[in-house]
Amino acid sequence: MDIKSGQKVAIVGPTGAGKTTLVNLLMKFYDVSSGLIKIDGVPIQELSREKVHDLFCMVLQDTWLFEGTIRDNIVYNKKDVSESVIVSACKAVGIDHFIRTLPHGYDTVLDDSTNLSAGQKQLITIARAMVKNAPLLILDEATSSVDTRTEVLIQEAMDKLTVGKTSFVIAHRLSTIKNADVILVMKDGDIIESGNHHELLEAKGFYAELYNSQFEKAG
């Protein structure tokens, strides 16, 4: 596959198809045993793991927050982040108002006693990715643990996050990725089809089967 700068790439396929493995290879969590992955023409074997990680932001299905203030969680390990950058990221994802209702606002410590919903945690991790502002983005767009209204908020926040970035979206519900520039269809560890939504539907292959079966269930 050849992904151009700024494209939105959806990765779809049944459970066990290799979607997560593909992402782990892109992030250099696994080293490739054959073939090449290049970023801007440079094989990632020539880049340190830290350098590769610096190029990516990630928003995963399992939200990862640590014990520390909300501000610390959003800044994470990025140096010299101004208050205005933090606040504008939180406003962009729609979590600023909620944070300000907490007793200590952005200085509220996230620990076992802090009662955040799954959606609020996810919005904080999206704000973290906005502040990091890396050129490449990986999104696991599963929002199965949130209600419909929160899902719309998260989807809107993710749409804002992808602007100007090259993004890889692990798609669970195919209805959310119709606007992707490229859809990679995976099965049994291989990319078996690629194209946009209309091209793949017209091809009447595996993607069309997956899409129609989800659509029938939803109907």
Protein backbone atom coordinates (compact mmCIF):
# COMPACT_ATOMS: atom_id res chain seq x y z
CA MET A 1 0.00 0.00 0.00
CA ASP A 2 1.12 3.54 -0.73
CA ILE A 3 -0.46 6.15 1.51
CA LYS A 4 -0.13 9.82 0.62
CA SER A 5 0.34 12.60 3.14
CA GLY A 6 -2.97 13.83 4.60
CA GLN A 7 -5.05 10.82 3.57
CA LYS A 8 -7.57 9.16 5.85
CA VAL A 9 -7.04 5.40 5.69
CA ALA A 10 -9.58 2.99 7.15
CA ILE A 11 -8.52 -0.54 8.09
CA VAL A 12 -11.42 -3.00 8.10
CA GLY A 13 -11.88 -6.74 8.41
CA PRO A 14 -13.27 -9.42 10.70
CA THR A 15 -11.85 -10.17 14.15
CA GLY A 16 -8.40 -11.72 13.81
CA ALA A 17 -7.83 -10.34 10.29
CA GLY A 18 -4.65 -8.53 11.33
CA LYS A 19 -5.85 -4.92 11.79
CA THR A 20 -4.09 -4.45 15.13
CA THR A 21 -0.98 -6.25 13.90
CA LEU A 22 -0.75 -3.84 10.97
CA VAL A 23 -0.91 -0.88 13.38
CA ASN A 24 1.71 -2.48 15.64
CA LEU A 25 4.03 -2.85 12.64
CA LEU A 26 3.49 0.81 11.65
CA MET A 27 4.34 1.86 15.22
CA LYS A 28 7.39 -0.43 15.30
CA PHE A 29 6.04 -2.34 18.29
CA TYR A 30 6.93 -5.35 16.13
CA ASP A 31 9.82 -5.36 13.67
CA VAL A 32 8.96 -6.46 10.14
CA SER A 33 10.44 -9.86 9.29
CA SER A 34 10.11 -9.30 5.53
CA GLY A 35 9.20 -6.39 3.29
CA LEU A 36 9.59 -2.71 4.10
CA ILE A 37 7.64 0.04 5.84
CA LYS A 38 8.82 3.51 4.84
CA ILE A 39 7.86 6.88 6.28
CA ASP A 40 8.70 9.72 3.87
CA GLY A 41 10.86 7.27 1.96
CA VAL A 42 12.91 6.23 5.02
CA PRO A 43 12.66 2.55 6.10
CA ILE A 44 11.52 2.46 9.72
CA GLN A 45 14.30 -0.03 10.49
CA GLU A 46 16.61 3.01 10.17
CA LEU A 47 14.58 5.04 12.69
CA SER A 48 14.70 4.51 16.46
CA ARG A 49 11.51 3.29 18.12
CA GLU A 50 11.31 6.63 19.98
CA LYS A 51 11.53 8.59 16.72
CA VAL A 52 8.74 6.49 15.16
CA HIS A 53 6.56 6.97 18.26
CA ASP A 54 7.16 10.74 18.12
CA LEU A 55 5.64 10.77 14.61
CA PHE A 56 2.37 9.19 15.77
CA CYS A 57 -0.53 10.14 18.03
CA MET A 58 -2.76 7.29 19.13
CA VAL A 59 -6.32 7.15 20.40
CA LEU A 60 -7.19 3.59 21.36
CA GLN A 61 -10.35 1.79 22.34
CA ASP A 62 -8.93 1.20 25.84
CA THR A 63 -8.45 4.71 27.18
CA TRP A 64 -5.17 5.07 29.02
CA LEU A 65 -5.03 7.65 31.83
CA PHE A 66 -2.51 7.71 34.69
CA GLU A 67 -2.74 8.97 38.26
CA GLY A 68 -2.00 12.66 38.01
CA THR A 69 -3.85 15.86 37.21
CA ILE A 70 -6.04 16.22 34.12
CA ARG A 71 -3.47 18.75 32.87
CA ASP A 72 -0.63 16.20 33.31
CA ASN A 73 -2.66 13.58 31.44
CA ILE A 74 -3.26 15.91 28.50
CA VAL A 75 0.31 17.22 28.27
CA TYR A 76 1.76 13.75 28.94
CA ASN A 77 5.48 13.97 28.01
CA LYS A 78 5.35 16.99 25.68
CA LYS A 79 7.50 19.88 26.90
CA ASP A 80 6.56 23.56 27.23
CA VAL A 81 2.84 23.31 26.45
CA SER A 82 1.03 26.57 27.15
CA GLU A 83 -2.25 26.75 29.04
CA SER A 84 -3.99 28.18 25.96
CA VAL A 85 -2.99 25.14 23.86
CA ILE A 86 -4.38 22.77 26.51
CA VAL A 87 -7.64 24.70 26.87
CA SER A 88 -8.19 25.09 23.12
CA ALA A 89 -7.67 21.32 22.62
CA CYS A 90 -10.23 20.59 25.35
CA LYS A 91 -12.68 23.11 23.88
CA ALA A 92 -12.23 21.55 20.44
CA VAL A 93 -13.20 18.10 21.76
CA GLY A 94 -16.01 19.44 23.98
CA ILE A 95 -14.56 18.52 27.40
CA ASP A 96 -13.44 21.98 28.66
CA HIS A 97 -16.82 22.84 30.22
CA PHE A 98 -16.95 19.53 32.12
CA ILE A 99 -13.37 19.95 33.43
CA ARG A 100 -14.23 23.41 34.76
CA THR A 101 -17.13 21.96 36.77
CA LEU A 102 -14.71 19.73 38.72
CA PRO A 103 -13.56 21.00 42.17
CA HIS A 104 -10.00 21.76 41.01
CA GLY A 105 -10.62 22.15 37.27
CA TYR A 106 -7.57 21.17 35.24
CA ASP A 107 -5.67 20.47 38.49
CA THR A 108 -8.13 17.73 39.50
CA VAL A 109 -6.17 14.55 40.21
CA LEU A 110 -7.38 11.48 38.32
CA ASP A 111 -7.40 8.56 40.72
CA ASP A 112 -9.81 5.83 41.81
CA SER A 113 -12.10 8.38 43.46
CA THR A 114 -12.51 10.55 40.32
CA ASN A 115 -15.72 9.56 38.63
CA LEU A 116 -15.24 9.94 34.87
CA SER A 117 -17.44 8.24 32.29
CA ALA A 118 -15.93 6.16 29.48
CA GLY A 119 -16.76 8.97 27.04
CA GLN A 120 -15.09 11.66 29.17
CA LYS A 121 -11.94 9.54 29.44
CA GLN A 122 -11.91 9.07 25.67
CA LEU A 123 -12.30 12.83 25.07
CA ILE A 124 -9.32 13.50 27.37
CA THR A 125 -7.17 11.08 25.35
CA ILE A 126 -8.29 12.80 22.12
CA ALA A 127 -7.32 16.18 23.64
CA ARG A 128 -3.92 14.64 24.51
CA ALA A 129 -3.44 13.61 20.86
CA MET A 130 -4.42 17.14 19.73
CA VAL A 131 -1.80 18.68 22.01
CA LYS A 132 0.87 16.25 20.80
CA ASN A 133 0.01 17.26 17.21
CA ALA A 134 2.11 14.58 15.48
CA PRO A 135 1.77 14.22 11.67
CA LEU A 136 0.52 10.60 11.78
CA LEU A 137 -2.51 9.43 13.69
CA ILE A 138 -3.88 6.03 14.67
CA LEU A 139 -7.51 5.85 15.80
CA ASP A 140 -9.30 2.81 17.10
CA GLU A 141 -12.79 4.18 16.53
CA ALA A 142 -14.69 1.67 18.64
CA THR A 143 -17.18 3.52 20.80
CA SER A 144 -19.14 0.50 21.96
CA SER A 145 -19.00 1.48 25.63
CA VAL A 146 -20.68 4.90 25.27
CA ASP A 147 -24.20 6.17 24.64
CA THR A 148 -25.27 7.57 21.25
CA ARG A 149 -24.92 11.25 22.21
CA THR A 150 -21.38 10.70 23.54
CA GLU A 151 -20.54 8.67 20.46
CA VAL A 152 -21.49 11.65 18.26
CA LEU A 153 -19.27 13.92 20.42
CA ILE A 154 -16.33 11.51 20.16
CA GLN A 155 -16.80 11.12 16.40
CA GLU A 156 -16.85 14.92 15.96
CA ALA A 157 -13.72 15.26 18.12
CA MET A 158 -11.95 12.58 16.09
CA ASP A 159 -12.92 14.33 12.84
CA LYS A 160 -11.31 17.54 14.13
CA LEU A 161 -8.23 15.62 15.21
CA THR A 162 -7.69 14.10 11.74
CA VAL A 163 -7.61 17.48 9.94
CA GLY A 164 -4.21 17.94 8.26
CA LYS A 165 -2.91 14.58 9.45
CA THR A 166 -2.34 11.23 7.78
CA SER A 167 -4.67 9.00 9.76
CA PHE A 168 -5.18 5.26 10.09
CA VAL A 169 -8.59 4.34 11.49
CA ILE A 170 -9.31 0.82 12.71
CA ALA A 171 -12.97 0.73 11.76
CA HIS A 172 -15.52 -1.41 13.58
CA ARG A 173 -18.70 0.06 12.15
CA LEU A 174 -18.35 0.53 8.43
CA SER A 175 -20.94 3.32 8.36
CA THR A 176 -18.39 5.63 10.05
CA ILE A 177 -15.68 5.34 7.39
CA LYS A 178 -17.55 5.97 4.14
CA ASN A 179 -15.59 9.22 3.71
CA ALA A 180 -12.13 7.58 4.02
CA ASP A 181 -9.77 8.25 1.10
CA VAL A 182 -8.56 4.65 1.13
CA ILE A 183 -10.10 1.57 2.74
CA LEU A 184 -7.79 -1.39 3.32
CA VAL A 185 -9.75 -4.63 3.61
CA MET A 186 -7.97 -7.31 5.63
CA LYS A 187 -8.59 -11.01 5.92
CA ASP A 188 -6.36 -13.73 7.42
CA GLY A 189 -3.40 -11.36 7.80
CA ASP A 190 -3.43 -9.98 4.24
CA ILE A 191 -4.76 -6.84 2.58
CA ILE A 192 -7.13 -8.40 0.05
CA GLU A 193 -8.85 -5.26 -1.30
CA SER A 194 -8.25 -1.53 -1.28
CA GLY A 195 -10.11 1.47 -2.66
CA ASN A 196 -12.70 3.98 -1.54
CA HIS A 197 -16.19 3.06 -0.32
CA HIS A 198 -17.90 3.31 -3.73
CA GLU A 199 -15.16 1.46 -5.60
CA LEU A 200 -15.25 -1.40 -3.11
CA LEU A 201 -19.04 -1.67 -3.16
CA GLU A 202 -19.01 -1.77 -6.95
CA ALA A 203 -16.34 -4.51 -6.90
CA LYS A 204 -18.91 -6.71 -5.05
CA GLY A 205 -16.10 -8.45 -3.14
CA PHE A 206 -15.41 -9.09 0.54
CA TYR A 207 -15.92 -5.44 1.62
CA ALA A 208 -19.34 -5.35 -0.06
CA GLU A 209 -20.27 -8.53 1.83
CA LEU A 210 -19.11 -7.08 5.16
CA TYR A 211 -20.87 -3.77 4.55
CA ASN A 212 -24.15 -5.31 3.46
CA SER A 213 -24.22 -7.76 6.37
CA GLN A 214 -23.70 -4.90 8.87
CA PHE A 215 -26.30 -2.79 7.10
CA GLU A 216 -28.85 -5.63 7.23
CA LYS A 217 -28.20 -6.12 10.96
CA ALA A 218 -28.61 -2.40 11.58
CA GLY A 219 -31.82 -2.33 9.54
